[in-house]
Amino acid sequence: MSTDWGHFCDEERICVIVPTYNNERTIADVLQRIQVYTYNIIVVNDGSTPETLAAVRSLSEIPEIVDYTPNRGKGYALMQGFRRALEPVINTLLPSILTDSISRRTSPCCWSVSNGIKVH
C-alpha cells in the first residue's frame, strides 16, 4: 500500500516547523526535501547570520519565516514556530468553540486558557 504523503500533508493541514541557527550550508536542501511533501513550512530563524536567511529566501517557494535576534535557543524557536502555526486556529476556534474553558480578559484580543497558556 502506497501513501501519497504530499496529498496527505496538504489535506490534513500538516505544518512543518524548522528552527534554524547558522545553517546556511544545509537549510535550502532541507527545505527542498520537505517541500516534496508540503509547502506549509515555517522557518524560525533563531538569530542566525544573514547568510542563513538569504539561503531560505533563495528558494523558488519561500516558506513563512519567523525572524528575530538575538539567538534564544531551540526551545524558544520551536515555541515561536508553534505559536505562528496555531495562530489561525486559535483565532478561529477559541472564541467560538472553547468559550466554556476560557475566561475573557480586559483586552478584547487576549484570551486566557484554563491551563494557563495566554494567547495574544
PDB file of N, CA and C in Angstrom:
ATOM      1  N   MET A   1       0.833  -1.179   0.000  1.00  0.00           N
ATOM      2  CA  MET A   1       0.000   0.000   0.000  1.00  0.00           C
ATOM      3  C   MET A   1       0.885   1.251   0.000  1.00  0.00           C
ATOM      4  N   SER A   2       0.667   2.111  -0.943  1.00  0.00           N
ATOM      5  CA  SER A   2       1.467   3.322  -1.092  1.00  0.00           C
ATOM      6  C   SER A   2       0.678   4.531  -0.590  1.00  0.00           C
ATOM      7  N   THR A   3       1.356   5.413   0.122  1.00  0.00           N
ATOM      8  CA  THR A   3       0.720   6.620   0.638  1.00  0.00           C
ATOM      9  C   THR A   3       1.250   7.828  -0.121  1.00  0.00           C
ATOM     10  N   ASP A   4       0.341   8.656  -0.596  1.00  0.00           N
ATOM     11  CA  ASP A   4       0.726   9.912  -1.235  1.00  0.00           C
ATOM     12  C   ASP A   4       0.899  10.944  -0.123  1.00  0.00           C
ATOM     13  N   TRP A   5       2.122  11.050   0.402  1.00  0.00           N
ATOM     14  CA  TRP A   5       2.364  11.899   1.566  1.00  0.00           C
ATOM     15  C   TRP A   5       2.107  13.370   1.270  1.00  0.00           C
ATOM     16  N   GLY A   6       2.404  13.817   0.060  1.00  0.00           N
ATOM     17  CA  GLY A   6       2.139  15.211  -0.284  1.00  0.00           C
ATOM     18  C   GLY A   6       0.666  15.535  -0.186  1.00  0.00           C
ATOM     19  N   HIS A   7      -0.181  14.665  -0.739  1.00  0.00           N
ATOM     20  CA  HIS A   7      -1.631  14.866  -0.666  1.00  0.00           C
ATOM     21  C   HIS A   7      -2.101  14.792   0.780  1.00  0.00           C
ATOM     22  N   PHE A   8      -1.583  13.808   1.539  1.00  0.00           N
ATOM     23  CA  PHE A   8      -1.958  13.655   2.937  1.00  0.00           C
ATOM     24  C   PHE A   8      -1.617  14.909   3.742  1.00  0.00           C
ATOM     25  N   CYS A   9      -0.396  15.427   3.555  1.00  0.00           N
ATOM     26  CA  CYS A   9       0.041  16.601   4.315  1.00  0.00           C
ATOM     27  C   CYS A   9      -0.810  17.819   3.996  1.00  0.00           C
ATOM     28  N   ASP A  10      -1.143  18.019   2.717  1.00  0.00           N
ATOM     29  CA  ASP A  10      -1.973  19.162   2.353  1.00  0.00           C
ATOM     30  C   ASP A  10      -3.395  18.992   2.870  1.00  0.00           C
ATOM     31  N   GLU A  11      -3.948  17.778   2.726  1.00  0.00           N
ATOM     32  CA  GLU A  11      -5.311  17.514   3.154  1.00  0.00           C
ATOM     33  C   GLU A  11      -5.458  17.619   4.672  1.00  0.00           C
ATOM     34  N   GLU A  12      -4.483  17.124   5.390  1.00  0.00           N
ATOM     35  CA  GLU A  12      -4.535  17.138   6.851  1.00  0.00           C
ATOM     36  C   GLU A  12      -3.984  18.435   7.433  1.00  0.00           C
ATOM     37  N   ARG A  13      -3.589  19.342   6.589  1.00  0.00           N
ATOM     38  CA  ARG A  13      -3.056  20.638   7.005  1.00  0.00           C
ATOM     39  C   ARG A  13      -1.860  20.475   7.938  1.00  0.00           C
ATOM     40  N   ILE A  14      -0.942  19.634   7.511  1.00  0.00           N
ATOM     41  CA  ILE A  14       0.288  19.397   8.253  1.00  0.00           C
ATOM     42  C   ILE A  14       1.194  20.611   8.072  1.00  0.00           C
ATOM     43  N   CYS A  15       1.789  21.041   9.170  1.00  0.00           N
ATOM     44  CA  CYS A  15       2.724  22.158   9.130  1.00  0.00           C
ATOM     45  C   CYS A  15       4.056  21.677   9.689  1.00  0.00           C
ATOM     46  N   VAL A  16       5.125  21.981   8.991  1.00  0.00           N
ATOM     47  CA  VAL A  16       6.459  21.594   9.438  1.00  0.00           C
ATOM     48  C   VAL A  16       7.168  22.842   9.946  1.00  0.00           C
ATOM     49  N   ILE A  17       7.642  22.769  11.176  1.00  0.00           N
ATOM     50  CA  ILE A  17       8.361  23.882  11.783  1.00  0.00           C
ATOM     51  C   ILE A  17       9.848  23.536  11.772  1.00  0.00           C
ATOM     52  N   VAL A  18      10.644  24.445  11.194  1.00  0.00           N
ATOM     53  CA  VAL A  18      12.084  24.210  11.053  1.00  0.00           C
ATOM     54  C   VAL A  18      12.836  25.321  11.778  1.00  0.00           C
ATOM     55  N   PRO A  19      13.280  25.059  13.013  1.00  0.00           N
ATOM     56  CA  PRO A  19      14.121  26.059  13.679  1.00  0.00           C
ATOM     57  C   PRO A  19      15.524  26.000  13.076  1.00  0.00           C
ATOM     58  N   THR A  20      16.133  27.154  12.890  1.00  0.00           N
ATOM     59  CA  THR A  20      17.475  27.161  12.304  1.00  0.00           C
ATOM     60  C   THR A  20      18.352  28.212  12.962  1.00  0.00           C
ATOM     61  N   TYR A  21      19.609  27.855  13.097  1.00  0.00           N
ATOM     62  CA  TYR A  21      20.608  28.780  13.620  1.00  0.00           C
ATOM     63  C   TYR A  21      21.907  28.545  12.857  1.00  0.00           C
ATOM     64  N   ASN A  22      22.278  29.488  12.028  1.00  0.00           N
ATOM     65  CA  ASN A  22      23.522  29.444  11.250  1.00  0.00           C
ATOM     66  C   ASN A  22      23.674  28.148  10.439  1.00  0.00           C
ATOM     67  N   ASN A  23      22.617  27.781   9.735  1.00  0.00           N
ATOM     68  CA  ASN A  23      22.646  26.587   8.882  1.00  0.00           C
ATOM     69  C   ASN A  23      22.626  26.954   7.407  1.00  0.00           C
ATOM     70  N   GLU A  24      23.345  27.994   7.033  1.00  0.00           N
ATOM     71  CA  GLU A  24      23.292  28.474   5.658  1.00  0.00           C
ATOM     72  C   GLU A  24      23.729  27.428   4.635  1.00  0.00           C
ATOM     73  N   ARG A  25      24.543  26.477   5.019  1.00  0.00           N
ATOM     74  CA  ARG A  25      25.024  25.462   4.060  1.00  0.00           C
ATOM     75  C   ARG A  25      24.003  24.344   3.818  1.00  0.00           C
ATOM     76  N   THR A  26      23.102  24.125   4.763  1.00  0.00           N
ATOM     77  CA  THR A  26      22.199  22.971   4.653  1.00  0.00           C
ATOM     78  C   THR A  26      20.719  23.324   4.585  1.00  0.00           C
ATOM     79  N   ILE A  27      20.329  24.516   4.983  1.00  0.00           N
ATOM     80  CA  ILE A  27      18.905  24.834   5.133  1.00  0.00           C
ATOM     81  C   ILE A  27      18.132  24.743   3.821  1.00  0.00           C
ATOM     82  N   ALA A  28      18.681  25.187   2.723  1.00  0.00           N
ATOM     83  CA  ALA A  28      17.958  25.146   1.450  1.00  0.00           C
ATOM     84  C   ALA A  28      17.660  23.706   1.035  1.00  0.00           C
ATOM     85  N   ASP A  29      18.632  22.818   1.188  1.00  0.00           N
ATOM     86  CA  ASP A  29      18.427  21.413   0.846  1.00  0.00           C
ATOM     87  C   ASP A  29      17.362  20.783   1.735  1.00  0.00           C
ATOM     88  N   VAL A  30      17.415  21.051   3.019  1.00  0.00           N
ATOM     89  CA  VAL A  30      16.421  20.516   3.957  1.00  0.00           C
ATOM     90  C   VAL A  30      15.025  20.982   3.560  1.00  0.00           C
ATOM     91  N   LEU A  31      14.868  22.259   3.278  1.00  0.00           N
ATOM     92  CA  LEU A  31      13.557  22.801   2.926  1.00  0.00           C
ATOM     93  C   LEU A  31      13.052  22.236   1.597  1.00  0.00           C
ATOM     94  N   GLN A  32      13.938  22.066   0.623  1.00  0.00           N
ATOM     95  CA  GLN A  32      13.525  21.483  -0.652  1.00  0.00           C
ATOM     96  C   GLN A  32      13.041  20.051  -0.474  1.00  0.00           C
ATOM     97  N   ARG A  33      13.662  19.306   0.423  1.00  0.00           N
ATOM     98  CA  ARG A  33      13.228  17.929   0.702  1.00  0.00           C
ATOM     99  C   ARG A  33      11.863  17.918   1.384  1.00  0.00           C
ATOM    100  N   ILE A  34      11.611  18.859   2.244  1.00  0.00           N
ATOM    101  CA  ILE A  34      10.304  18.946   2.909  1.00  0.00           C
ATOM    102  C   ILE A  34       9.234  19.366   1.907  1.00  0.00           C
ATOM    103  N   GLN A  35       9.585  20.260   0.983  1.00  0.00           N
ATOM    104  CA  GLN A  35       8.609  20.767   0.017  1.00  0.00           C
ATOM    105  C   GLN A  35       8.092  19.693  -0.934  1.00  0.00           C
ATOM    106  N   VAL A  36       8.728  18.551  -0.987  1.00  0.00           N
ATOM    107  CA  VAL A  36       8.200  17.423  -1.754  1.00  0.00           C
ATOM    108  C   VAL A  36       6.864  16.988  -1.153  1.00  0.00           C
ATOM    109  N   TYR A  37       6.721  17.153   0.167  1.00  0.00           N
ATOM    110  CA  TYR A  37       5.531  16.700   0.884  1.00  0.00           C
ATOM    111  C   TYR A  37       4.534  17.817   1.183  1.00  0.00           C
ATOM    112  N   THR A  38       5.034  18.976   1.510  1.00  0.00           N
ATOM    113  CA  THR A  38       4.151  20.093   1.827  1.00  0.00           C
ATOM    114  C   THR A  38       4.896  21.418   1.672  1.00  0.00           C
ATOM    115  N   TYR A  39       4.133  22.450   1.315  1.00  0.00           N
ATOM    116  CA  TYR A  39       4.692  23.812   1.282  1.00  0.00           C
ATOM    117  C   TYR A  39       4.311  24.575   2.545  1.00  0.00           C
ATOM    118  N   ASN A  40       3.600  23.920   3.433  1.00  0.00           N
ATOM    119  CA  ASN A  40       3.190  24.550   4.680  1.00  0.00           C
ATOM    120  C   ASN A  40       4.338  24.421   5.684  1.00  0.00           C
ATOM    121  N   ILE A  41       5.319  25.304   5.526  1.00  0.00           N
ATOM    122  CA  ILE A  41       6.551  25.261   6.316  1.00  0.00           C
ATOM    123  C   ILE A  41       6.751  26.607   6.995  1.00  0.00           C
ATOM    124  N   ILE A  42       7.143  26.541   8.245  1.00  0.00           N
ATOM    125  CA  ILE A  42       7.510  27.754   8.973  1.00  0.00           C
ATOM    126  C   ILE A  42       8.967  27.600   9.394  1.00  0.00           C
ATOM    127  N   VAL A  43       9.806  28.490   8.890  1.00  0.00           N
ATOM    128  CA  VAL A  43      11.218  28.511   9.268  1.00  0.00           C
ATOM    129  C   VAL A  43      11.371  29.555  10.364  1.00  0.00           C
ATOM    130  N   VAL A  44      11.949  29.132  11.484  1.00  0.00           N
ATOM    131  CA  VAL A  44      12.199  30.061  12.580  1.00  0.00           C
ATOM    132  C   VAL A  44      13.690  30.341  12.598  1.00  0.00           C
ATOM    133  N   ASN A  45      14.043  31.543  12.180  1.00  0.00           N
ATOM    134  CA  ASN A  45      15.438  31.976  12.131  1.00  0.00           C
ATOM    135  C   ASN A  45      15.819  32.514  13.505  1.00  0.00           C
ATOM    136  N   ASP A  46      16.521  31.694  14.258  1.00  0.00           N
ATOM    137  CA  ASP A  46      16.842  31.972  15.660  1.00  0.00           C
ATOM    138  C   ASP A  46      18.122  32.786  15.801  1.00  0.00           C
ATOM    139  N   GLY A  47      18.088  34.016  15.288  1.00  0.00           N
ATOM    140  CA  GLY A  47      19.229  34.914  15.422  1.00  0.00           C
ATOM    141  C   GLY A  47      20.428  34.527  14.577  1.00  0.00           C
ATOM    142  N   SER A  48      20.180  33.888  13.449  1.00  0.00           N
ATOM    143  CA  SER A  48      21.271  33.437  12.570  1.00  0.00           C
ATOM    144  C   SER A  48      21.968  34.599  11.880  1.00  0.00           C
ATOM    145  N   THR A  49      23.066  34.253  11.233  1.00  0.00           N
ATOM    146  CA  THR A  49      23.757  35.218  10.383  1.00  0.00           C
ATOM    147  C   THR A  49      22.869  35.514   9.166  1.00  0.00           C
ATOM    148  N   PRO A  50      23.083  36.633   8.488  1.00  0.00           N
ATOM    149  CA  PRO A  50      22.269  36.971   7.316  1.00  0.00           C
ATOM    150  C   PRO A  50      22.332  35.921   6.208  1.00  0.00           C
ATOM    151  N   GLU A  51      23.402  35.151   6.132  1.00  0.00           N
ATOM    152  CA  GLU A  51      23.541  34.136   5.094  1.00  0.00           C
ATOM    153  C   GLU A  51      22.486  33.037   5.221  1.00  0.00           C
ATOM    154  N   THR A  52      22.102  32.701   6.439  1.00  0.00           N
ATOM    155  CA  THR A  52      21.079  31.670   6.625  1.00  0.00           C
ATOM    156  C   THR A  52      19.749  32.139   6.066  1.00  0.00           C
ATOM    157  N   LEU A  53      19.359  33.337   6.395  1.00  0.00           N
ATOM    158  CA  LEU A  53      18.107  33.895   5.896  1.00  0.00           C
ATOM    159  C   LEU A  53      18.144  34.047   4.376  1.00  0.00           C
ATOM    160  N   ALA A  54      19.290  34.427   3.831  1.00  0.00           N
ATOM    161  CA  ALA A  54      19.433  34.550   2.371  1.00  0.00           C
ATOM    162  C   ALA A  54      19.261  33.185   1.698  1.00  0.00           C
ATOM    163  N   ALA A  55      19.769  32.131   2.319  1.00  0.00           N
ATOM    164  CA  ALA A  55      19.618  30.785   1.758  1.00  0.00           C
ATOM    165  C   ALA A  55      18.154  30.366   1.729  1.00  0.00           C
ATOM    166  N   VAL A  56      17.406  30.713   2.763  1.00  0.00           N
ATOM    167  CA  VAL A  56      15.971  30.399   2.806  1.00  0.00           C
ATOM    168  C   VAL A  56      15.243  31.182   1.716  1.00  0.00           C
ATOM    169  N   ARG A  57      15.564  32.438   1.573  1.00  0.00           N
ATOM    170  CA  ARG A  57      14.881  33.291   0.594  1.00  0.00           C
ATOM    171  C   ARG A  57      15.299  33.004  -0.850  1.00  0.00           C
ATOM    172  N   SER A  58      16.337  32.196  -1.036  1.00  0.00           N
ATOM    173  CA  SER A  58      16.781  31.860  -2.390  1.00  0.00           C
ATOM    174  C   SER A  58      15.920  30.775  -3.040  1.00  0.00           C
ATOM    175  N   LEU A  59      15.060  30.131  -2.269  1.00  0.00           N
ATOM    176  CA  LEU A  59      14.216  29.062  -2.805  1.00  0.00           C
ATOM    177  C   LEU A  59      13.142  29.626  -3.722  1.00  0.00           C
ATOM    178  N   SER A  60      12.698  28.824  -4.676  1.00  0.00           N
ATOM    179  CA  SER A  60      11.631  29.275  -5.576  1.00  0.00           C
ATOM    180  C   SER A  60      10.304  29.399  -4.825  1.00  0.00           C
ATOM    181  N   GLU A  61      10.068  28.518  -3.869  1.00  0.00           N
ATOM    182  CA  GLU A  61       8.890  28.606  -2.995  1.00  0.00           C
ATOM    183  C   GLU A  61       9.393  28.970  -1.608  1.00  0.00           C
ATOM    184  N   ILE A  62       9.261  30.234  -1.245  1.00  0.00           N
ATOM    185  CA  ILE A  62       9.796  30.702   0.040  1.00  0.00           C
ATOM    186  C   ILE A  62       8.793  30.378   1.148  1.00  0.00           C
ATOM    187  N   PRO A  63       9.235  29.637   2.172  1.00  0.00           N
ATOM    188  CA  PRO A  63       8.327  29.328   3.274  1.00  0.00           C
ATOM    189  C   PRO A  63       8.081  30.555   4.147  1.00  0.00           C
ATOM    190  N   GLU A  64       7.118  30.432   5.036  1.00  0.00           N
ATOM    191  CA  GLU A  64       6.873  31.500   6.002  1.00  0.00           C
ATOM    192  C   GLU A  64       8.080  31.567   6.937  1.00  0.00           C
ATOM    193  N   ILE A  65       8.478  32.775   7.293  1.00  0.00           N
ATOM    194  CA  ILE A  65       9.672  32.962   8.117  1.00  0.00           C
ATOM    195  C   ILE A  65       9.325  33.740   9.372  1.00  0.00           C
ATOM    196  N   VAL A  66       9.763  33.215  10.506  1.00  0.00           N
ATOM    197  CA  VAL A  66       9.736  33.952  11.770  1.00  0.00           C
ATOM    198  C   VAL A  66      11.193  34.302  12.034  1.00  0.00           C
ATOM    199  N   ASP A  67      11.484  35.579  12.174  1.00  0.00           N
ATOM    200  CA  ASP A  67      12.876  36.031  12.262  1.00  0.00           C
ATOM    201  C   ASP A  67      13.035  36.940  13.469  1.00  0.00           C
ATOM    202  N   TYR A  68      14.022  36.649  14.294  1.00  0.00           N
ATOM    203  CA  TYR A  68      14.294  37.504  15.449  1.00  0.00           C
ATOM    204  C   TYR A  68      15.765  37.391  15.835  1.00  0.00           C
ATOM    205  N   THR A  69      16.221  38.362  16.593  1.00  0.00           N
ATOM    206  CA  THR A  69      17.557  38.333  17.193  1.00  0.00           C
ATOM    207  C   THR A  69      17.407  38.815  18.627  1.00  0.00           C
ATOM    208  N   PRO A  70      18.285  38.432  19.488  1.00  0.00           N
ATOM    209  CA  PRO A  70      19.417  37.533  19.356  1.00  0.00           C
ATOM    210  C   PRO A  70      18.970  36.075  19.443  1.00  0.00           C
ATOM    211  N   ASN A  71      19.921  35.169  19.294  1.00  0.00           N
ATOM    212  CA  ASN A  71      19.666  33.740  19.419  1.00  0.00           C
ATOM    213  C   ASN A  71      19.116  33.449  20.816  1.00  0.00           C
ATOM    214  N   ARG A  72      18.020  32.678  20.861  1.00  0.00           N
ATOM    215  CA  ARG A  72      17.392  32.356  22.145  1.00  0.00           C
ATOM    216  C   ARG A  72      17.277  30.863  22.388  1.00  0.00           C
ATOM    217  N   GLY A  73      17.765  30.051  21.474  1.00  0.00           N
ATOM    218  CA  GLY A  73      17.767  28.612  21.679  1.00  0.00           C
ATOM    219  C   GLY A  73      16.637  27.898  20.960  1.00  0.00           C
ATOM    220  N   LYS A  74      16.816  26.581  20.826  1.00  0.00           N
ATOM    221  CA  LYS A  74      15.881  25.762  20.067  1.00  0.00           C
ATOM    222  C   LYS A  74      14.490  25.737  20.700  1.00  0.00           C
ATOM    223  N   GLY A  75      14.414  25.660  22.009  1.00  0.00           N
ATOM    224  CA  GLY A  75      13.109  25.625  22.678  1.00  0.00           C
ATOM    225  C   GLY A  75      12.286  26.872  22.391  1.00  0.00           C
ATOM    226  N   TYR A  76      12.922  28.024  22.475  1.00  0.00           N
ATOM    227  CA  TYR A  76      12.232  29.273  22.183  1.00  0.00           C
ATOM    228  C   TYR A  76      11.823  29.322  20.718  1.00  0.00           C
ATOM    229  N   ALA A  77      12.718  28.859  19.837  1.00  0.00           N
ATOM    230  CA  ALA A  77      12.423  28.857  18.403  1.00  0.00           C
ATOM    231  C   ALA A  77      11.214  27.976  18.104  1.00  0.00           C
ATOM    232  N   LEU A  78      11.170  26.799  18.696  1.00  0.00           N
ATOM    233  CA  LEU A  78      10.022  25.914  18.490  1.00  0.00           C
ATOM    234  C   LEU A  78       8.737  26.550  19.011  1.00  0.00           C
ATOM    235  N   MET A  79       8.816  27.177  20.171  1.00  0.00           N
ATOM    236  CA  MET A  79       7.641  27.834  20.738  1.00  0.00           C
ATOM    237  C   MET A  79       7.121  28.915  19.786  1.00  0.00           C
ATOM    238  N   GLN A  80       8.025  29.702  19.196  1.00  0.00           N
ATOM    239  CA  GLN A  80       7.613  30.740  18.260  1.00  0.00           C
ATOM    240  C   GLN A  80       7.000  30.130  17.001  1.00  0.00           C
ATOM    241  N   GLY A  81       7.556  29.027  16.544  1.00  0.00           N
ATOM    242  CA  GLY A  81       7.008  28.338  15.376  1.00  0.00           C
ATOM    243  C   GLY A  81       5.617  27.778  15.642  1.00  0.00           C
ATOM    244  N   PHE A  82       5.435  27.144  16.794  1.00  0.00           N
ATOM    245  CA  PHE A  82       4.112  26.622  17.155  1.00  0.00           C
ATOM    246  C   PHE A  82       3.108  27.753  17.310  1.00  0.00           C
ATOM    247  N   ARG A  83       3.549  28.837  17.904  1.00  0.00           N
ATOM    248  CA  ARG A  83       2.656  29.994  18.069  1.00  0.00           C
ATOM    249  C   ARG A  83       2.179  30.494  16.709  1.00  0.00           C
ATOM    250  N   ARG A  84       3.099  30.611  15.750  1.00  0.00           N
ATOM    251  CA  ARG A  84       2.731  31.074  14.415  1.00  0.00           C
ATOM    252  C   ARG A  84       1.829  30.052  13.713  1.00  0.00           C
ATOM    253  N   ALA A  85       2.135  28.771  13.856  1.00  0.00           N
ATOM    254  CA  ALA A  85       1.344  27.729  13.201  1.00  0.00           C
ATOM    255  C   ALA A  85      -0.076  27.673  13.742  1.00  0.00           C
ATOM    256  N   LEU A  86      -0.221  27.885  15.023  1.00  0.00           N
ATOM    257  CA  LEU A  86      -1.538  27.762  15.659  1.00  0.00           C
ATOM    258  C   LEU A  86      -2.330  29.056  15.650  1.00  0.00           C
ATOM    259  N   GLU A  87      -1.711  30.146  15.262  1.00  0.00           N
ATOM    260  CA  GLU A  87      -2.372  31.443  15.288  1.00  0.00           C
ATOM    261  C   GLU A  87      -3.739  31.445  14.598  1.00  0.00           C
ATOM    262  N   PRO A  88      -3.867  30.946  13.362  1.00  0.00           N
ATOM    263  CA  PRO A  88      -5.187  30.957  12.715  1.00  0.00           C
ATOM    264  C   PRO A  88      -6.188  30.057  13.440  1.00  0.00           C
ATOM    265  N   VAL A  89      -5.706  28.929  13.965  1.00  0.00           N
ATOM    266  CA  VAL A  89      -6.589  28.010  14.676  1.00  0.00           C
ATOM    267  C   VAL A  89      -7.085  28.647  15.957  1.00  0.00           C
ATOM    268  N   ILE A  90      -6.185  29.241  16.687  1.00  0.00           N
ATOM    269  CA  ILE A  90      -6.548  29.867  17.955  1.00  0.00           C
ATOM    270  C   ILE A  90      -7.512  31.018  17.716  1.00  0.00           C
ATOM    271  N   ASN A  91      -7.211  31.841  16.745  1.00  0.00           N
ATOM    272  CA  ASN A  91      -8.083  32.983  16.466  1.00  0.00           C
ATOM    273  C   ASN A  91      -9.463  32.550  15.995  1.00  0.00           C
ATOM    274  N   THR A  92      -9.561  31.380  15.369  1.00  0.00           N
ATOM    275  CA  THR A  92     -10.841  30.891  14.873  1.00  0.00           C
ATOM    276  C   THR A  92     -11.586  30.079  15.917  1.00  0.00           C
ATOM    277  N   LEU A  93     -10.896  29.162  16.565  1.00  0.00           N
ATOM    278  CA  LEU A  93     -11.573  28.221  17.453  1.00  0.00           C
ATOM    279  C   LEU A  93     -11.860  28.747  18.847  1.00  0.00           C
ATOM    280  N   LEU A  94     -10.930  29.429  19.441  1.00  0.00           N
ATOM    281  CA  LEU A  94     -11.121  29.816  20.832  1.00  0.00           C
ATOM    282  C   LEU A  94     -12.392  30.621  21.071  1.00  0.00           C
ATOM    283  N   PRO A  95     -12.653  31.658  20.326  1.00  0.00           N
ATOM    284  CA  PRO A  95     -13.852  32.433  20.606  1.00  0.00           C
ATOM    285  C   PRO A  95     -15.147  31.660  20.373  1.00  0.00           C
ATOM    286  N   SER A  96     -15.172  30.746  19.389  1.00  0.00           N
ATOM    287  CA  SER A  96     -16.446  30.130  19.025  1.00  0.00           C
ATOM    288  C   SER A  96     -16.688  28.763  19.643  1.00  0.00           C
ATOM    289  N   ILE A  97     -15.649  27.977  19.909  1.00  0.00           N
ATOM    290  CA  ILE A  97     -15.856  26.603  20.344  1.00  0.00           C
ATOM    291  C   ILE A  97     -15.482  26.367  21.798  1.00  0.00           C
ATOM    292  N   LEU A  98     -14.443  27.001  22.260  1.00  0.00           N
ATOM    293  CA  LEU A  98     -13.922  26.690  23.582  1.00  0.00           C
ATOM    294  C   LEU A  98     -14.305  27.715  24.648  1.00  0.00           C
ATOM    295  N   THR A  99     -15.370  28.421  24.462  1.00  0.00           N
ATOM    296  CA  THR A  99     -15.703  29.508  25.380  1.00  0.00           C
ATOM    297  C   THR A  99     -15.953  29.036  26.800  1.00  0.00           C
ATOM    298  N   ASP A 100     -16.357  27.795  27.004  1.00  0.00           N
ATOM    299  CA  ASP A 100     -16.606  27.322  28.359  1.00  0.00           C
ATOM    300  C   ASP A 100     -15.329  27.133  29.172  1.00  0.00           C
ATOM    301  N   SER A 101     -14.159  26.943  28.523  1.00  0.00           N
ATOM    302  CA  SER A 101     -12.911  26.753  29.261  1.00  0.00           C
ATOM    303  C   SER A 101     -12.012  27.983  29.209  1.00  0.00           C
ATOM    304  N   ILE A 102     -12.558  29.087  28.748  1.00  0.00           N
ATOM    305  CA  ILE A 102     -11.765  30.310  28.581  1.00  0.00           C
ATOM    306  C   ILE A 102     -12.419  31.440  29.354  1.00  0.00           C
ATOM    307  N   SER A 103     -11.613  32.230  30.016  1.00  0.00           N
ATOM    308  CA  SER A 103     -12.147  33.424  30.660  1.00  0.00           C
ATOM    309  C   SER A 103     -11.656  34.641  29.906  1.00  0.00           C
ATOM    310  N   ARG A 104     -12.561  35.549  29.572  1.00  0.00           N
ATOM    311  CA  ARG A 104     -12.218  36.757  28.814  1.00  0.00           C
ATOM    312  C   ARG A 104     -11.457  37.705  29.734  1.00  0.00           C
ATOM    313  N   ARG A 105     -10.372  38.251  29.247  1.00  0.00           N
ATOM    314  CA  ARG A 105      -9.588  39.239  29.992  1.00  0.00           C
ATOM    315  C   ARG A 105     -10.055  40.642  29.607  1.00  0.00           C
ATOM    316  N   THR A 106      -9.375  41.636  30.130  1.00  0.00           N
ATOM    317  CA  THR A 106      -9.782  43.012  29.864  1.00  0.00           C
ATOM    318  C   THR A 106      -9.583  43.406  28.412  1.00  0.00           C
ATOM    319  N   SER A 107      -8.544  42.871  27.772  1.00  0.00           N
ATOM    320  CA  SER A 107      -8.305  43.185  26.376  1.00  0.00           C
ATOM    321  C   SER A 107      -9.170  42.295  25.493  1.00  0.00           C
ATOM    322  N   PRO A 108      -9.879  42.840  24.495  1.00  0.00           N
ATOM    323  CA  PRO A 108     -10.743  42.017  23.658  1.00  0.00           C
ATOM    324  C   PRO A 108      -9.994  41.024  22.777  1.00  0.00           C
ATOM    325  N   CYS A 109      -8.679  41.194  22.606  1.00  0.00           N
ATOM    326  CA  CYS A 109      -7.945  40.270  21.747  1.00  0.00           C
ATOM    327  C   CYS A 109      -7.073  39.311  22.545  1.00  0.00           C
ATOM    328  N   CYS A 110      -7.225  39.275  23.846  1.00  0.00           N
ATOM    329  CA  CYS A 110      -6.409  38.415  24.688  1.00  0.00           C
ATOM    330  C   CYS A 110      -7.299  37.435  25.434  1.00  0.00           C
ATOM    331  N   TRP A 111      -7.000  36.154  25.292  1.00  0.00           N
ATOM    332  CA  TRP A 111      -7.765  35.108  25.966  1.00  0.00           C
ATOM    333  C   TRP A 111      -6.849  34.381  26.923  1.00  0.00           C
ATOM    334  N   SER A 112      -7.377  33.952  28.040  1.00  0.00           N
ATOM    335  CA  SER A 112      -6.615  33.138  28.966  1.00  0.00           C
ATOM    336  C   SER A 112      -7.229  31.740  28.963  1.00  0.00           C
ATOM    337  N   VAL A 113      -6.438  30.756  28.581  1.00  0.00           N
ATOM    338  CA  VAL A 113      -6.933  29.389  28.509  1.00  0.00           C
ATOM    339  C   VAL A 113      -6.800  28.762  29.886  1.00  0.00           C
ATOM    340  N   SER A 114      -7.684  27.817  30.203  1.00  0.00           N
ATOM    341  CA  SER A 114      -7.753  27.261  31.546  1.00  0.00           C
ATOM    342  C   SER A 114      -6.445  26.638  32.038  1.00  0.00           C
ATOM    343  N   ASN A 115      -5.577  26.178  31.146  1.00  0.00           N
ATOM    344  CA  ASN A 115      -4.314  25.579  31.589  1.00  0.00           C
ATOM    345  C   ASN A 115      -3.221  26.611  31.782  1.00  0.00           C
ATOM    346  N   GLY A 116      -3.535  27.869  31.662  1.00  0.00           N
ATOM    347  CA  GLY A 116      -2.580  28.934  31.934  1.00  0.00           C
ATOM    348  C   GLY A 116      -1.875  29.497  30.717  1.00  0.00           C
ATOM    349  N   ILE A 117      -2.100  28.947  29.537  1.00  0.00           N
ATOM    350  CA  ILE A 117      -1.478  29.473  28.334  1.00  0.00           C
ATOM    351  C   ILE A 117      -2.179  30.756  27.937  1.00  0.00           C
ATOM    352  N   LYS A 118      -1.424  31.796  27.701  1.00  0.00           N
ATOM    353  CA  LYS A 118      -2.017  33.057  27.267  1.00  0.00           C
ATOM    354  C   LYS A 118      -1.858  33.216  25.776  1.00  0.00           C
ATOM    355  N   VAL A 119      -2.897  33.585  25.131  1.00  0.00           N
ATOM    356  CA  VAL A 119      -2.890  33.799  23.680  1.00  0.00           C
ATOM    357  C   VAL A 119      -3.145  35.272  23.445  1.00  0.00           C
ATOM    358  N   HIS A 120      -2.243  35.917  22.735  1.00  0.00           N
ATOM    359  CA  HIS A 120      -2.399  37.357  22.447  1.00  0.00           C
ATOM    360  C   HIS A 120      -2.704  37.545  21.000  1.00  0.00           C
TER     361      HIS A 120
END
